[in-house]
Structures are given as C-alpha cells and as structure tokens.
Amino acid sequence: MNVHRAQEILAAEEKIDVECSGVAVWIDSVDSGKGLVKIHAEQNPSDARVVPAQELEEVQ
C-alpha cells in the first residue's frame, strides 16, 4: 500500500480492512514524509508498532 492510501483509510468514516503480515490491524497515524504508518493489531491494541506503508495490504 502507498502512504496516500494509508492516509485515505485513516480518514475514512467506514471501516476498511487492512492487514500487516496476515494480521488484521488498525492504522493509528501516518507519517507521509517518512512513508511510515503507526498500527496496532485489531485483537491486541497493546501490539503497536511503526511499519513502512508498503508492508500494509488492503483486504478486499
């Protein structure tokens, strides 16, 4: 996924499913300058980390 799409998903009113390495995640914030996205696992909010936007995949 690119940074722009991550920003769109973050701003969306509806829930858009996103995965990182096969794990369902929520996007918390996007650093477009660095291409990084702060995420946390849907089932484990304490599992927060920062990953490159390219590691995220929108689930259709």
PDB file of N, CA and C in Angstrom:
ATOM      1  N   MET A   1       0.850  -1.161   0.000  1.00  0.00           N
ATOM      2  CA  MET A   1       0.000   0.000   0.000  1.00  0.00           C
ATOM      3  C   MET A   1       0.901   1.231   0.000  1.00  0.00           C
ATOM      4  N   ASN A   2       0.427   2.289  -0.623  1.00  0.00           N
ATOM      5  CA  ASN A   2       1.214   3.517  -0.591  1.00  0.00           C
ATOM      6  C   ASN A   2       0.733   4.427   0.548  1.00  0.00           C
ATOM      7  N   VAL A   3       1.529   5.418   0.875  1.00  0.00           N
ATOM      8  CA  VAL A   3       1.238   6.313   2.005  1.00  0.00           C
ATOM      9  C   VAL A   3      -0.074   7.055   1.786  1.00  0.00           C
ATOM     10  N   HIS A   4      -0.325   7.478   0.565  1.00  0.00           N
ATOM     11  CA  HIS A   4      -1.562   8.220   0.276  1.00  0.00           C
ATOM     12  C   HIS A   4      -2.792   7.371   0.600  1.00  0.00           C
ATOM     13  N   ARG A   5      -2.770   6.100   0.218  1.00  0.00           N
ATOM     14  CA  ARG A   5      -3.908   5.214   0.505  1.00  0.00           C
ATOM     15  C   ARG A   5      -4.049   4.993   2.004  1.00  0.00           C
ATOM     16  N   ALA A   6      -2.943   4.876   2.710  1.00  0.00           N
ATOM     17  CA  ALA A   6      -2.999   4.727   4.168  1.00  0.00           C
ATOM     18  C   ALA A   6      -3.670   5.945   4.800  1.00  0.00           C
ATOM     19  N   GLN A   7      -3.368   7.136   4.293  1.00  0.00           N
ATOM     20  CA  GLN A   7      -3.999   8.359   4.799  1.00  0.00           C
ATOM     21  C   GLN A   7      -5.499   8.355   4.509  1.00  0.00           C
ATOM     22  N   GLU A   8      -5.888   7.895   3.318  1.00  0.00           N
ATOM     23  CA  GLU A   8      -7.308   7.814   2.967  1.00  0.00           C
ATOM     24  C   GLU A   8      -8.047   6.857   3.896  1.00  0.00           C
ATOM     25  N   ILE A   9      -7.433   5.731   4.179  1.00  0.00           N
ATOM     26  CA  ILE A   9      -8.056   4.745   5.063  1.00  0.00           C
ATOM     27  C   ILE A   9      -8.194   5.306   6.473  1.00  0.00           C
ATOM     28  N   LEU A  10      -7.173   5.990   6.947  1.00  0.00           N
ATOM     29  CA  LEU A  10      -7.213   6.595   8.279  1.00  0.00           C
ATOM     30  C   LEU A  10      -8.355   7.612   8.378  1.00  0.00           C
ATOM     31  N   ALA A  11      -8.578   8.389   7.315  1.00  0.00           N
ATOM     32  CA  ALA A  11      -9.596   9.442   7.321  1.00  0.00           C
ATOM     33  C   ALA A  11     -11.005   8.925   6.998  1.00  0.00           C
ATOM     34  N   ALA A  12     -11.116   7.705   6.509  1.00  0.00           N
ATOM     35  CA  ALA A  12     -12.408   7.173   6.082  1.00  0.00           C
ATOM     36  C   ALA A  12     -13.371   7.010   7.257  1.00  0.00           C
ATOM     37  N   GLU A  13     -14.645   7.299   7.001  1.00  0.00           N
ATOM     38  CA  GLU A  13     -15.659   7.120   8.036  1.00  0.00           C
ATOM     39  C   GLU A  13     -16.007   5.652   8.226  1.00  0.00           C
ATOM     40  N   GLU A  14     -15.963   4.884   7.141  1.00  0.00           N
ATOM     41  CA  GLU A  14     -16.276   3.455   7.242  1.00  0.00           C
ATOM     42  C   GLU A  14     -15.005   2.670   7.544  1.00  0.00           C
ATOM     43  N   LYS A  15     -15.196   1.460   8.078  1.00  0.00           N
ATOM     44  CA  LYS A  15     -14.055   0.610   8.390  1.00  0.00           C
ATOM     45  C   LYS A  15     -13.547  -0.035   7.108  1.00  0.00           C
ATOM     46  N   ILE A  16     -12.259   0.070   6.873  1.00  0.00           N
ATOM     47  CA  ILE A  16     -11.609  -0.563   5.737  1.00  0.00           C
ATOM     48  C   ILE A  16     -10.602  -1.548   6.313  1.00  0.00           C
ATOM     49  N   ASP A  17     -10.744  -2.810   5.930  1.00  0.00           N
ATOM     50  CA  ASP A  17      -9.895  -3.859   6.483  1.00  0.00           C
ATOM     51  C   ASP A  17      -8.475  -3.774   5.926  1.00  0.00           C
ATOM     52  N   VAL A  18      -7.505  -3.807   6.842  1.00  0.00           N
ATOM     53  CA  VAL A  18      -6.087  -3.723   6.490  1.00  0.00           C
ATOM     54  C   VAL A  18      -5.350  -4.825   7.242  1.00  0.00           C
ATOM     55  N   GLU A  19      -4.369  -5.419   6.583  1.00  0.00           N
ATOM     56  CA  GLU A  19      -3.537  -6.439   7.220  1.00  0.00           C
ATOM     57  C   GLU A  19      -2.067  -6.089   7.078  1.00  0.00           C
ATOM     58  N   CYS A  20      -1.296  -6.570   8.040  1.00  0.00           N
ATOM     59  CA  CYS A  20       0.159  -6.473   8.003  1.00  0.00           C
ATOM     60  C   CYS A  20       0.680  -7.873   8.319  1.00  0.00           C
ATOM     61  N   SER A  21       1.338  -8.478   7.366  1.00  0.00           N
ATOM     62  CA  SER A  21       1.845  -9.848   7.525  1.00  0.00           C
ATOM     63  C   SER A  21       0.740 -10.827   7.905  1.00  0.00           C
ATOM     64  N   GLY A  22      -0.439 -10.635   7.322  1.00  0.00           N
ATOM     65  CA  GLY A  22      -1.552 -11.536   7.566  1.00  0.00           C
ATOM     66  C   GLY A  22      -2.340 -11.279   8.829  1.00  0.00           C
ATOM     67  N   VAL A  23      -1.985 -10.243   9.586  1.00  0.00           N
ATOM     68  CA  VAL A  23      -2.668  -9.909  10.834  1.00  0.00           C
ATOM     69  C   VAL A  23      -3.520  -8.665  10.613  1.00  0.00           C
ATOM     70  N   ALA A  24      -4.794  -8.715  11.022  1.00  0.00           N
ATOM     71  CA  ALA A  24      -5.689  -7.565  10.901  1.00  0.00           C
ATOM     72  C   ALA A  24      -5.206  -6.442  11.814  1.00  0.00           C
ATOM     73  N   VAL A  25      -5.089  -5.225  11.254  1.00  0.00           N
ATOM     74  CA  VAL A  25      -4.572  -4.088  12.024  1.00  0.00           C
ATOM     75  C   VAL A  25      -5.432  -2.851  11.813  1.00  0.00           C
ATOM     76  N   TRP A  26      -5.301  -1.909  12.748  1.00  0.00           N
ATOM     77  CA  TRP A  26      -5.869  -0.574  12.645  1.00  0.00           C
ATOM     78  C   TRP A  26      -4.725   0.393  12.366  1.00  0.00           C
ATOM     79  N   ILE A  27      -4.979   1.400  11.551  1.00  0.00           N
ATOM     80  CA  ILE A  27      -3.998   2.457  11.308  1.00  0.00           C
ATOM     81  C   ILE A  27      -4.242   3.556  12.332  1.00  0.00           C
ATOM     82  N   ASP A  28      -3.209   3.906  13.096  1.00  0.00           N
ATOM     83  CA  ASP A  28      -3.312   4.949  14.117  1.00  0.00           C
ATOM     84  C   ASP A  28      -2.866   6.309  13.595  1.00  0.00           C
ATOM     85  N   SER A  29      -1.805   6.320  12.799  1.00  0.00           N
ATOM     86  CA  SER A  29      -1.295   7.579  12.245  1.00  0.00           C
ATOM     87  C   SER A  29      -0.406   7.273  11.050  1.00  0.00           C
ATOM     88  N   VAL A  30      -0.208   8.316  10.236  1.00  0.00           N
ATOM     89  CA  VAL A  30       0.605   8.177   9.030  1.00  0.00           C
ATOM     90  C   VAL A  30       1.626   9.302   8.991  1.00  0.00           C
ATOM     91  N   ASP A  31       2.895   8.964   8.775  1.00  0.00           N
ATOM     92  CA  ASP A  31       3.967   9.948   8.582  1.00  0.00           C
ATOM     93  C   ASP A  31       4.312   9.922   7.099  1.00  0.00           C
ATOM     94  N   SER A  32       3.657  10.793   6.336  1.00  0.00           N
ATOM     95  CA  SER A  32       3.839  10.765   4.882  1.00  0.00           C
ATOM     96  C   SER A  32       5.256  11.159   4.475  1.00  0.00           C
ATOM     97  N   GLY A  33       5.907  11.985   5.267  1.00  0.00           N
ATOM     98  CA  GLY A  33       7.271  12.394   4.950  1.00  0.00           C
ATOM     99  C   GLY A  33       8.259  11.243   4.998  1.00  0.00           C
ATOM    100  N   LYS A  34       8.037  10.326   5.932  1.00  0.00           N
ATOM    101  CA  LYS A  34       8.935   9.177   6.089  1.00  0.00           C
ATOM    102  C   LYS A  34       8.365   7.902   5.484  1.00  0.00           C
ATOM    103  N   GLY A  35       7.095   7.936   5.068  1.00  0.00           N
ATOM    104  CA  GLY A  35       6.473   6.744   4.494  1.00  0.00           C
ATOM    105  C   GLY A  35       6.171   5.683   5.528  1.00  0.00           C
ATOM    106  N   LEU A  36       5.976   6.106   6.779  1.00  0.00           N
ATOM    107  CA  LEU A  36       5.745   5.162   7.874  1.00  0.00           C
ATOM    108  C   LEU A  36       4.325   5.273   8.411  1.00  0.00           C
ATOM    109  N   VAL A  37       3.824   4.154   8.907  1.00  0.00           N
ATOM    110  CA  VAL A  37       2.466   4.095   9.434  1.00  0.00           C
ATOM    111  C   VAL A  37       2.505   3.449  10.816  1.00  0.00           C
ATOM    112  N   LYS A  38       1.872   4.100  11.790  1.00  0.00           N
ATOM    113  CA  LYS A  38       1.754   3.504  13.124  1.00  0.00           C
ATOM    114  C   LYS A  38       0.474   2.681  13.127  1.00  0.00           C
ATOM    115  N   ILE A  39       0.603   1.418  13.510  1.00  0.00           N
ATOM    116  CA  ILE A  39      -0.524   0.487  13.511  1.00  0.00           C
ATOM    117  C   ILE A  39      -0.609  -0.237  14.844  1.00  0.00           C
ATOM    118  N   HIS A  40      -1.763  -0.872  15.081  1.00  0.00           N
ATOM    119  CA  HIS A  40      -1.872  -1.827  16.186  1.00  0.00           C
ATOM    120  C   HIS A  40      -2.768  -2.970  15.736  1.00  0.00           C
ATOM    121  N   ALA A  41      -2.533  -4.146  16.279  1.00  0.00           N
ATOM    122  CA  ALA A  41      -3.316  -5.327  15.942  1.00  0.00           C
ATOM    123  C   ALA A  41      -4.746  -5.141  16.440  1.00  0.00           C
ATOM    124  N   GLU A  42      -5.733  -5.497  15.602  1.00  0.00           N
ATOM    125  CA  GLU A  42      -7.137  -5.365  15.991  1.00  0.00           C
ATOM    126  C   GLU A  42      -7.433  -6.121  17.272  1.00  0.00           C
ATOM    127  N   GLN A  43      -6.900  -7.317  17.397  1.00  0.00           N
ATOM    128  CA  GLN A  43      -7.204  -8.158  18.554  1.00  0.00           C
ATOM    129  C   GLN A  43      -6.295  -7.883  19.756  1.00  0.00           C
ATOM    130  N   ASN A  44      -5.294  -7.022  19.572  1.00  0.00           N
ATOM    131  CA  ASN A  44      -4.356  -6.734  20.654  1.00  0.00           C
ATOM    132  C   ASN A  44      -3.874  -5.293  20.542  1.00  0.00           C
ATOM    133  N   PRO A  45      -4.670  -4.336  21.043  1.00  0.00           N
ATOM    134  CA  PRO A  45      -4.308  -2.918  20.907  1.00  0.00           C
ATOM    135  C   PRO A  45      -2.947  -2.550  21.496  1.00  0.00           C
ATOM    136  N   SER A  46      -2.441  -3.347  22.427  1.00  0.00           N
ATOM    137  CA  SER A  46      -1.131  -3.036  23.005  1.00  0.00           C
ATOM    138  C   SER A  46       0.004  -3.416  22.058  1.00  0.00           C
ATOM    139  N   ASP A  47      -0.309  -4.135  20.983  1.00  0.00           N
ATOM    140  CA  ASP A  47       0.697  -4.532  19.990  1.00  0.00           C
ATOM    141  C   ASP A  47       0.818  -3.431  18.936  1.00  0.00           C
ATOM    142  N   ALA A  48       1.361  -2.282  19.354  1.00  0.00           N
ATOM    143  CA  ALA A  48       1.522  -1.138  18.452  1.00  0.00           C
ATOM    144  C   ALA A  48       2.941  -1.106  17.907  1.00  0.00           C
ATOM    145  N   ARG A  49       3.046  -0.734  16.637  1.00  0.00           N
ATOM    146  CA  ARG A  49       4.372  -0.615  16.022  1.00  0.00           C
ATOM    147  C   ARG A  49       4.291   0.312  14.824  1.00  0.00           C
ATOM    148  N   VAL A  50       5.453   0.699  14.338  1.00  0.00           N
ATOM    149  CA  VAL A  50       5.560   1.561  13.167  1.00  0.00           C
ATOM    150  C   VAL A  50       6.183   0.739  12.045  1.00  0.00           C
ATOM    151  N   VAL A  51       5.520   0.748  10.887  1.00  0.00           N
ATOM    152  CA  VAL A  51       5.976  -0.051   9.747  1.00  0.00           C
ATOM    153  C   VAL A  51       5.957   0.811   8.489  1.00  0.00           C
ATOM    154  N   PRO A  52       6.745   0.442   7.489  1.00  0.00           N
ATOM    155  CA  PRO A  52       6.646   1.118   6.195  1.00  0.00           C
ATOM    156  C   PRO A  52       5.259   0.861   5.595  1.00  0.00           C
ATOM    157  N   ALA A  53       4.688   1.849   4.948  1.00  0.00           N
ATOM    158  CA  ALA A  53       3.361   1.707   4.348  1.00  0.00           C
ATOM    159  C   ALA A  53       3.287   0.523   3.394  1.00  0.00           C
ATOM    160  N   GLN A  54       4.400   0.196   2.737  1.00  0.00           N
ATOM    161  CA  GLN A  54       4.414  -0.897   1.770  1.00  0.00           C
ATOM    162  C   GLN A  54       4.137  -2.259   2.400  1.00  0.00           C
ATOM    163  N   GLU A  55       4.281  -2.364   3.726  1.00  0.00           N
ATOM    164  CA  GLU A  55       4.011  -3.644   4.399  1.00  0.00           C
ATOM    165  C   GLU A  55       2.537  -3.879   4.652  1.00  0.00           C
ATOM    166  N   LEU A  56       1.712  -2.860   4.400  1.00  0.00           N
ATOM    167  CA  LEU A  56       0.281  -2.992   4.652  1.00  0.00           C
ATOM    168  C   LEU A  56      -0.440  -3.423   3.385  1.00  0.00           C
ATOM    169  N   GLU A  57      -1.523  -4.176   3.588  1.00  0.00           N
ATOM    170  CA  GLU A  57      -2.313  -4.661   2.458  1.00  0.00           C
ATOM    171  C   GLU A  57      -3.789  -4.425   2.763  1.00  0.00           C
ATOM    172  N   GLU A  58      -4.465  -3.775   1.833  1.00  0.00           N
ATOM    173  CA  GLU A  58      -5.913  -3.580   1.983  1.00  0.00           C
ATOM    174  C   GLU A  58      -6.601  -4.888   1.628  1.00  0.00           C
ATOM    175  N   VAL A  59      -7.532  -5.304   2.486  1.00  0.00           N
ATOM    176  CA  VAL A  59      -8.258  -6.554   2.275  1.00  0.00           C
ATOM    177  C   VAL A  59      -9.557  -6.229   1.559  1.00  0.00           C
ATOM    178  N   GLN A  60      -9.756  -6.836   0.406  1.00  0.00           N
ATOM    179  CA  GLN A  60     -10.957  -6.584  -0.393  1.00  0.00           C
ATOM    180  C   GLN A  60     -12.042  -7.569  -0.072  1.00  0.00           C
TER     181      GLN A  60
END
